[in-house]
Amino acid sequence: MDSGIPSQLQSKLWSSNVNKLDLQKDKTMIVHRVLSYGDLEDIKLLFNMYGLLELKHEFLANPMNVYTKSGLNFTKNYILDLENTPIDKKKYVKTIY
């Protein structure tokens, strides 16, 4: 079964087999994991899969604690161009004690 998710994203989506993921049902996990752990080629694939508006919506509507502080800043302000959009960073930044 082909999920439409490129196999090169498997290492960013380690908890699931990409062939068994659903582009819509698993969108939150896919978007945040690739934005947080992916390289620029992975992020290009993500843009091709969902488009900028859908990525922005998913990022803002369904936060996930998977980002470092610097990674969140880069993703929010430069990748998604949301520099002037306030967010609750506690909902995005993973904390390691």
N, C-alpha and C. Protein backbone atom coordinates (compact mmCIF):
# COMPACT_ATOMS: atom_id res chain seq x y z
N MET A 1 0.85 -1.19 0.00
CA MET A 1 0.00 0.00 0.00
C MET A 1 0.88 1.24 0.00
N ASP A 2 0.67 2.15 -0.93
CA ASP A 2 1.45 3.37 -1.02
C ASP A 2 0.67 4.50 -0.37
N SER A 3 1.26 5.09 0.67
CA SER A 3 0.58 6.13 1.44
C SER A 3 0.73 7.50 0.81
N GLY A 4 1.62 7.64 -0.17
CA GLY A 4 1.89 8.94 -0.74
C GLY A 4 2.97 9.69 0.04
N ILE A 5 3.49 9.07 1.07
CA ILE A 5 4.54 9.68 1.88
C ILE A 5 5.88 9.13 1.41
N PRO A 6 6.78 10.00 0.97
CA PRO A 6 8.07 9.53 0.47
C PRO A 6 8.84 8.71 1.50
N SER A 7 9.45 7.63 1.06
CA SER A 7 10.18 6.73 1.97
C SER A 7 11.36 7.42 2.63
N GLN A 8 11.89 8.48 2.02
CA GLN A 8 13.03 9.18 2.63
C GLN A 8 12.64 9.87 3.94
N LEU A 9 11.34 10.00 4.22
CA LEU A 9 10.90 10.61 5.49
C LEU A 9 10.81 9.59 6.62
N GLN A 10 11.06 8.32 6.34
CA GLN A 10 10.94 7.27 7.35
C GLN A 10 11.75 7.58 8.60
N SER A 11 12.95 8.08 8.45
CA SER A 11 13.80 8.33 9.62
C SER A 11 13.27 9.45 10.51
N LYS A 12 12.44 10.33 9.96
CA LYS A 12 11.83 11.40 10.76
C LYS A 12 10.52 10.92 11.39
N LEU A 13 9.95 9.87 10.83
CA LEU A 13 8.67 9.33 11.30
C LEU A 13 8.91 7.93 11.85
N TRP A 14 9.94 7.81 12.67
CA TRP A 14 10.46 6.51 13.14
C TRP A 14 9.45 5.65 13.86
N SER A 15 8.43 6.22 14.47
CA SER A 15 7.51 5.42 15.27
C SER A 15 6.48 4.66 14.43
N SER A 16 6.44 4.95 13.14
CA SER A 16 5.46 4.31 12.26
C SER A 16 6.10 4.00 10.91
N ASN A 17 5.56 3.01 10.24
CA ASN A 17 5.98 2.70 8.88
C ASN A 17 5.31 3.71 7.96
N VAL A 18 6.09 4.42 7.15
CA VAL A 18 5.50 5.46 6.28
C VAL A 18 4.46 4.88 5.33
N ASN A 19 4.57 3.62 4.98
CA ASN A 19 3.60 3.01 4.08
C ASN A 19 2.24 2.79 4.75
N LYS A 20 2.20 2.88 6.07
CA LYS A 20 0.95 2.66 6.80
C LYS A 20 0.36 3.97 7.34
N LEU A 21 1.05 5.08 7.11
CA LEU A 21 0.54 6.37 7.57
C LEU A 21 -0.46 6.93 6.58
N ASP A 22 -1.38 7.72 7.08
CA ASP A 22 -2.39 8.38 6.27
C ASP A 22 -2.06 9.88 6.23
N LEU A 23 -1.98 10.45 5.03
CA LEU A 23 -1.62 11.86 4.89
C LEU A 23 -2.51 12.80 5.70
N GLN A 24 -3.78 12.48 5.83
CA GLN A 24 -4.69 13.35 6.57
C GLN A 24 -4.79 12.98 8.05
N LYS A 25 -5.02 11.71 8.34
CA LYS A 25 -5.19 11.29 9.74
C LYS A 25 -3.92 11.50 10.56
N ASP A 26 -2.77 11.34 9.96
CA ASP A 26 -1.50 11.45 10.66
C ASP A 26 -0.79 12.77 10.38
N LYS A 27 -1.53 13.74 9.87
CA LYS A 27 -0.94 15.01 9.42
C LYS A 27 -0.18 15.73 10.53
N THR A 28 -0.75 15.82 11.73
CA THR A 28 -0.09 16.56 12.81
C THR A 28 1.29 15.98 13.09
N MET A 29 1.37 14.69 13.25
CA MET A 29 2.65 14.05 13.53
C MET A 29 3.62 14.22 12.37
N ILE A 30 3.15 14.03 11.16
CA ILE A 30 4.01 14.15 9.98
C ILE A 30 4.57 15.57 9.88
N VAL A 31 3.71 16.56 9.98
CA VAL A 31 4.12 17.95 9.83
C VAL A 31 5.15 18.34 10.90
N HIS A 32 4.83 18.09 12.15
CA HIS A 32 5.74 18.53 13.21
C HIS A 32 7.06 17.76 13.22
N ARG A 33 7.02 16.47 12.99
CA ARG A 33 8.26 15.69 12.99
C ARG A 33 9.18 16.11 11.85
N VAL A 34 8.62 16.32 10.67
CA VAL A 34 9.46 16.71 9.54
C VAL A 34 9.98 18.13 9.73
N LEU A 35 9.14 19.05 10.22
CA LEU A 35 9.61 20.41 10.47
C LEU A 35 10.69 20.42 11.55
N SER A 36 10.57 19.58 12.55
CA SER A 36 11.51 19.57 13.65
C SER A 36 12.80 18.81 13.33
N TYR A 37 12.69 17.66 12.68
CA TYR A 37 13.84 16.78 12.49
C TYR A 37 14.35 16.71 11.06
N GLY A 38 13.60 17.23 10.12
CA GLY A 38 13.97 17.10 8.72
C GLY A 38 15.02 18.10 8.27
N ASP A 39 15.67 17.77 7.15
CA ASP A 39 16.58 18.72 6.53
C ASP A 39 15.79 19.50 5.47
N LEU A 40 16.45 20.39 4.76
CA LEU A 40 15.73 21.24 3.81
C LEU A 40 15.07 20.43 2.69
N GLU A 41 15.68 19.34 2.27
CA GLU A 41 15.05 18.49 1.25
C GLU A 41 13.76 17.86 1.78
N ASP A 42 13.78 17.43 3.03
CA ASP A 42 12.58 16.85 3.65
C ASP A 42 11.48 17.90 3.75
N ILE A 43 11.86 19.12 4.11
CA ILE A 43 10.88 20.20 4.25
C ILE A 43 10.28 20.57 2.89
N LYS A 44 11.09 20.51 1.83
CA LYS A 44 10.56 20.74 0.47
C LYS A 44 9.49 19.69 0.15
N LEU A 45 9.77 18.43 0.51
CA LEU A 45 8.78 17.37 0.28
C LEU A 45 7.48 17.67 1.04
N LEU A 46 7.64 18.14 2.27
CA LEU A 46 6.48 18.47 3.10
C LEU A 46 5.65 19.57 2.44
N PHE A 47 6.30 20.59 1.91
CA PHE A 47 5.60 21.67 1.21
C PHE A 47 4.87 21.12 -0.01
N ASN A 48 5.48 20.18 -0.72
CA ASN A 48 4.83 19.57 -1.88
C ASN A 48 3.62 18.73 -1.47
N MET A 49 3.70 18.11 -0.30
CA MET A 49 2.62 17.24 0.18
C MET A 49 1.42 18.05 0.66
N TYR A 50 1.68 19.17 1.35
CA TYR A 50 0.58 19.90 2.00
C TYR A 50 0.40 21.35 1.55
N GLY A 51 1.44 22.00 1.13
CA GLY A 51 1.35 23.42 0.77
C GLY A 51 1.54 24.30 2.00
N LEU A 52 1.97 25.53 1.77
CA LEU A 52 2.30 26.45 2.86
C LEU A 52 1.11 26.77 3.76
N LEU A 53 -0.04 27.07 3.20
CA LEU A 53 -1.20 27.45 4.03
C LEU A 53 -1.63 26.32 4.95
N GLU A 54 -1.63 25.10 4.43
CA GLU A 54 -2.02 23.95 5.25
C GLU A 54 -0.97 23.68 6.34
N LEU A 55 0.30 23.87 6.01
CA LEU A 55 1.36 23.68 7.00
C LEU A 55 1.24 24.71 8.12
N LYS A 56 0.99 25.97 7.77
CA LYS A 56 0.81 27.01 8.77
C LYS A 56 -0.37 26.68 9.67
N HIS A 57 -1.47 26.29 9.07
CA HIS A 57 -2.67 25.96 9.85
C HIS A 57 -2.38 24.81 10.82
N GLU A 58 -1.78 23.76 10.33
CA GLU A 58 -1.49 22.59 11.17
C GLU A 58 -0.53 22.95 12.30
N PHE A 59 0.49 23.73 11.99
CA PHE A 59 1.47 24.16 12.98
C PHE A 59 0.80 24.95 14.11
N LEU A 60 -0.07 25.87 13.76
CA LEU A 60 -0.72 26.72 14.75
C LEU A 60 -1.87 26.04 15.48
N ALA A 61 -2.65 25.24 14.78
CA ALA A 61 -3.85 24.63 15.36
C ALA A 61 -3.56 23.42 16.23
N ASN A 62 -2.48 22.71 15.95
CA ASN A 62 -2.18 21.46 16.65
C ASN A 62 -0.71 21.41 17.09
N PRO A 63 -0.35 22.20 18.09
CA PRO A 63 1.05 22.22 18.54
C PRO A 63 1.53 20.84 19.01
N MET A 64 2.83 20.62 18.91
CA MET A 64 3.42 19.37 19.37
C MET A 64 4.78 19.68 19.98
N ASN A 65 5.05 19.11 21.15
CA ASN A 65 6.31 19.34 21.86
C ASN A 65 7.46 18.53 21.27
N VAL A 66 7.98 18.96 20.14
CA VAL A 66 9.08 18.24 19.51
C VAL A 66 10.24 19.15 19.10
N TYR A 67 10.16 20.44 19.38
CA TYR A 67 11.15 21.39 18.91
C TYR A 67 12.14 21.80 20.00
N THR A 68 13.35 22.09 19.60
CA THR A 68 14.28 22.80 20.47
C THR A 68 13.89 24.27 20.37
N LYS A 69 14.37 25.10 21.27
CA LYS A 69 14.04 26.53 21.21
C LYS A 69 14.51 27.15 19.90
N SER A 70 15.73 26.85 19.51
CA SER A 70 16.26 27.42 18.27
C SER A 70 15.55 26.84 17.04
N GLY A 71 15.22 25.55 17.09
CA GLY A 71 14.50 24.93 15.98
C GLY A 71 13.11 25.51 15.81
N LEU A 72 12.44 25.79 16.92
CA LEU A 72 11.11 26.41 16.87
C LEU A 72 11.21 27.80 16.26
N ASN A 73 12.19 28.58 16.69
CA ASN A 73 12.38 29.92 16.16
C ASN A 73 12.59 29.88 14.65
N PHE A 74 13.47 29.00 14.19
CA PHE A 74 13.76 28.90 12.75
C PHE A 74 12.51 28.46 11.98
N THR A 75 11.84 27.43 12.49
CA THR A 75 10.65 26.91 11.81
C THR A 75 9.55 27.96 11.73
N LYS A 76 9.22 28.55 12.87
CA LYS A 76 8.13 29.53 12.93
C LYS A 76 8.43 30.77 12.10
N ASN A 77 9.59 31.35 12.30
CA ASN A 77 9.88 32.64 11.70
C ASN A 77 10.37 32.59 10.27
N TYR A 78 11.09 31.54 9.89
CA TYR A 78 11.69 31.51 8.56
C TYR A 78 11.07 30.48 7.63
N ILE A 79 10.85 29.27 8.11
CA ILE A 79 10.27 28.25 7.25
C ILE A 79 8.79 28.57 6.97
N LEU A 80 8.04 28.90 8.02
CA LEU A 80 6.60 29.13 7.88
C LEU A 80 6.23 30.62 7.79
N ASP A 81 7.19 31.51 7.92
CA ASP A 81 6.96 32.95 7.82
C ASP A 81 5.84 33.42 8.76
N LEU A 82 5.96 33.02 10.04
CA LEU A 82 4.97 33.38 11.05
C LEU A 82 5.61 34.26 12.14
N GLU A 83 6.57 35.07 11.74
CA GLU A 83 7.34 35.86 12.70
C GLU A 83 6.46 36.75 13.57
N ASN A 84 5.40 37.31 13.03
CA ASN A 84 4.54 38.22 13.78
C ASN A 84 3.32 37.53 14.40
N THR A 85 3.33 36.21 14.40
CA THR A 85 2.22 35.45 14.97
C THR A 85 2.62 34.94 16.35
N PRO A 86 1.90 35.38 17.39
CA PRO A 86 2.25 34.90 18.73
C PRO A 86 1.84 33.43 18.93
N ILE A 87 2.69 32.69 19.64
CA ILE A 87 2.38 31.29 19.98
C ILE A 87 2.79 31.06 21.43
N ASP A 88 2.26 30.01 22.02
CA ASP A 88 2.67 29.58 23.36
C ASP A 88 3.81 28.60 23.18
N LYS A 89 5.03 29.06 23.37
CA LYS A 89 6.22 28.23 23.11
C LYS A 89 6.24 26.97 23.95
N LYS A 90 5.60 26.98 25.11
CA LYS A 90 5.56 25.79 25.97
C LYS A 90 4.86 24.62 25.29
N LYS A 91 4.01 24.91 24.33
CA LYS A 91 3.29 23.85 23.62
C LYS A 91 4.11 23.24 22.49
N TYR A 92 5.27 23.85 22.19
CA TYR A 92 6.09 23.40 21.07
C TYR A 92 7.47 22.88 21.50
N VAL A 93 8.04 23.51 22.51
CA VAL A 93 9.42 23.19 22.89
C VAL A 93 9.46 22.01 23.84
N LYS A 94 10.27 21.01 23.46
CA LYS A 94 10.45 19.85 24.33
C LYS A 94 11.42 20.24 25.43
N THR A 95 11.14 19.81 26.61
CA THR A 95 12.04 20.11 27.72
C THR A 95 12.68 18.81 28.20
N ILE A 96 13.97 18.88 28.41
CA ILE A 96 14.72 17.73 28.89
C ILE A 96 15.29 18.11 30.24
N TYR A 97 14.94 17.35 31.25
CA TYR A 97 15.40 17.64 32.61
C TYR A 97 16.51 16.71 32.99
